[in-house]
Amino acid sequence: MSAYKQCNLGIISLPTDIKYRNWSKDLTKWRIENDAQLAQYITYDNKYRLNKNTLAVYEFKQHPILGKYKAVAFDLNRGIVLS
């Protein structure tokens, strides 16, 4: 099934709980490193490319997340992608 059809069916891979309604660069880093509930939404892909399902991207080159991930993308299908 294409990503477009999945999105139209309401199937997304991002957290929907109200406490995850707001995001910022600092909050993203803190949540990934400290919020165990978020782990189910995280995927790892060092070759991630922007696409029509990408909602936002944060860059962490100066202070990588978990010591090695320099970017975080929010993707409707893939969830929170560390790259």
C-alpha atoms as a PDB file:
ATOM      1  CA  MET A   1       0.000   0.000   0.000  1.00  0.00           C
ATOM      2  CA  SER A   2       1.372   3.405  -0.892  1.00  0.00           C
ATOM      3  CA  ALA A   3       2.262   5.962   1.758  1.00  0.00           C
ATOM      4  CA  TYR A   4      -0.478   8.230   0.406  1.00  0.00           C
ATOM      5  CA  LYS A   5      -3.177   5.609   0.974  1.00  0.00           C
ATOM      6  CA  GLN A   6      -1.858   4.770   4.435  1.00  0.00           C
ATOM      7  CA  CYS A   7      -2.033   8.426   5.456  1.00  0.00           C
ATOM      8  CA  ASN A   8      -5.580   8.711   4.124  1.00  0.00           C
ATOM      9  CA  LEU A   9      -6.559   5.704   6.253  1.00  0.00           C
ATOM     10  CA  GLY A  10      -5.233   7.449   9.328  1.00  0.00           C
ATOM     11  CA  ILE A  11      -2.258   5.120   9.781  1.00  0.00           C
ATOM     12  CA  ILE A  12       0.694   7.191  10.954  1.00  0.00           C
ATOM     13  CA  SER A  13       3.854   6.257  12.799  1.00  0.00           C
ATOM     14  CA  LEU A  14       4.165   9.288  15.049  1.00  0.00           C
ATOM     15  CA  PRO A  15       2.977   9.662  18.648  1.00  0.00           C
ATOM     16  CA  THR A  16      -0.572  10.952  18.953  1.00  0.00           C
ATOM     17  CA  ASP A  17      -0.754  11.432  22.725  1.00  0.00           C
ATOM     18  CA  ILE A  18      -1.511  15.045  23.706  1.00  0.00           C
ATOM     19  CA  LYS A  19       1.815  15.360  25.556  1.00  0.00           C
ATOM     20  CA  TYR A  20       3.577  14.977  22.189  1.00  0.00           C
ATOM     21  CA  ARG A  21       1.604  17.727  20.488  1.00  0.00           C
ATOM     22  CA  ASN A  22       4.387  20.338  20.700  1.00  0.00           C
ATOM     23  CA  TRP A  23       7.989  19.862  19.590  1.00  0.00           C
ATOM     24  CA  SER A  24      11.120  21.998  19.409  1.00  0.00           C
ATOM     25  CA  LYS A  25      14.722  21.188  18.685  1.00  0.00           C
ATOM     26  CA  ASP A  26      15.684  21.103  22.371  1.00  0.00           C
ATOM     27  CA  LEU A  27      12.578  19.157  23.363  1.00  0.00           C
ATOM     28  CA  THR A  28      13.182  16.634  20.588  1.00  0.00           C
ATOM     29  CA  LYS A  29      16.712  15.945  21.821  1.00  0.00           C
ATOM     30  CA  TRP A  30      15.573  15.650  25.446  1.00  0.00           C
ATOM     31  CA  ARG A  31      12.663  13.330  24.619  1.00  0.00           C
ATOM     32  CA  ILE A  32      14.735  10.997  22.457  1.00  0.00           C
ATOM     33  CA  GLU A  33      17.396  10.694  25.131  1.00  0.00           C
ATOM     34  CA  ASN A  34      15.063  10.467  28.154  1.00  0.00           C
ATOM     35  CA  ASP A  35      11.522   9.390  27.242  1.00  0.00           C
ATOM     36  CA  ALA A  36      11.234   5.584  27.134  1.00  0.00           C
ATOM     37  CA  GLN A  37       7.680   5.756  25.717  1.00  0.00           C
ATOM     38  CA  LEU A  38       9.031   7.408  22.573  1.00  0.00           C
ATOM     39  CA  ALA A  39      11.252   4.417  21.709  1.00  0.00           C
ATOM     40  CA  GLN A  40       8.417   2.665  19.859  1.00  0.00           C
ATOM     41  CA  TYR A  41       8.277   5.518  17.329  1.00  0.00           C
ATOM     42  CA  ILE A  42      12.020   5.777  16.658  1.00  0.00           C
ATOM     43  CA  THR A  43      13.717   4.271  13.625  1.00  0.00           C
ATOM     44  CA  TYR A  44      17.353   4.521  12.563  1.00  0.00           C
ATOM     45  CA  ASP A  45      18.371   5.222   8.970  1.00  0.00           C
ATOM     46  CA  ASN A  46      21.709   6.776   8.031  1.00  0.00           C
ATOM     47  CA  LYS A  47      20.528   7.089   4.413  1.00  0.00           C
ATOM     48  CA  TYR A  48      17.185   8.791   5.083  1.00  0.00           C
ATOM     49  CA  ARG A  49      16.063  11.142   2.315  1.00  0.00           C
ATOM     50  CA  LEU A  50      13.429  13.857   2.499  1.00  0.00           C
ATOM     51  CA  ASN A  51      10.171  12.857   0.822  1.00  0.00           C
ATOM     52  CA  LYS A  52       6.488  13.796   0.696  1.00  0.00           C
ATOM     53  CA  ASN A  53       5.938  12.215   4.126  1.00  0.00           C
ATOM     54  CA  THR A  54       8.608  14.307   5.861  1.00  0.00           C
ATOM     55  CA  LEU A  55       7.026  16.808   8.239  1.00  0.00           C
ATOM     56  CA  ALA A  56      10.103  18.367   9.853  1.00  0.00           C
ATOM     57  CA  VAL A  57      13.853  17.911  10.207  1.00  0.00           C
ATOM     58  CA  TYR A  58      16.112  19.066  13.034  1.00  0.00           C
ATOM     59  CA  GLU A  59      19.902  19.213  12.645  1.00  0.00           C
ATOM     60  CA  PHE A  60      22.217  18.271  15.525  1.00  0.00           C
ATOM     61  CA  LYS A  61      25.709  18.423  13.967  1.00  0.00           C
ATOM     62  CA  GLN A  62      27.220  20.358  16.872  1.00  0.00           C
ATOM     63  CA  HIS A  63      25.734  18.109  19.581  1.00  0.00           C
ATOM     64  CA  PRO A  64      24.655  14.743  18.106  1.00  0.00           C
ATOM     65  CA  ILE A  65      21.802  12.894  19.737  1.00  0.00           C
ATOM     66  CA  LEU A  66      22.973   9.823  21.655  1.00  0.00           C
ATOM     67  CA  GLY A  67      26.478  10.830  20.618  1.00  0.00           C
ATOM     68  CA  LYS A  68      26.118   9.916  16.934  1.00  0.00           C
ATOM     69  CA  TYR A  69      22.876  11.018  15.232  1.00  0.00           C
ATOM     70  CA  LYS A  70      23.215  14.387  13.526  1.00  0.00           C
ATOM     71  CA  ALA A  71      19.653  14.746  12.232  1.00  0.00           C
ATOM     72  CA  VAL A  72      16.112  13.867  13.280  1.00  0.00           C
ATOM     73  CA  ALA A  73      13.271  13.700  10.775  1.00  0.00           C
ATOM     74  CA  PHE A  74       9.576  13.411  11.557  1.00  0.00           C
ATOM     75  CA  ASP A  75       8.081  11.174   8.875  1.00  0.00           C
ATOM     76  CA  LEU A  76       4.421  10.146   8.661  1.00  0.00           C
ATOM     77  CA  ASN A  77       5.262   6.551   7.724  1.00  0.00           C
ATOM     78  CA  ARG A  78       8.630   5.932   9.350  1.00  0.00           C
ATOM     79  CA  GLY A  79       8.047   7.818  12.600  1.00  0.00           C
ATOM     80  CA  ILE A  80      10.916   9.675  14.221  1.00  0.00           C
ATOM     81  CA  VAL A  81      13.968   8.896  12.123  1.00  0.00           C
ATOM     82  CA  LEU A  82      17.450   9.298  13.569  1.00  0.00           C
ATOM     83  CA  SER A  83      20.050   9.747  10.874  1.00  0.00           C
END
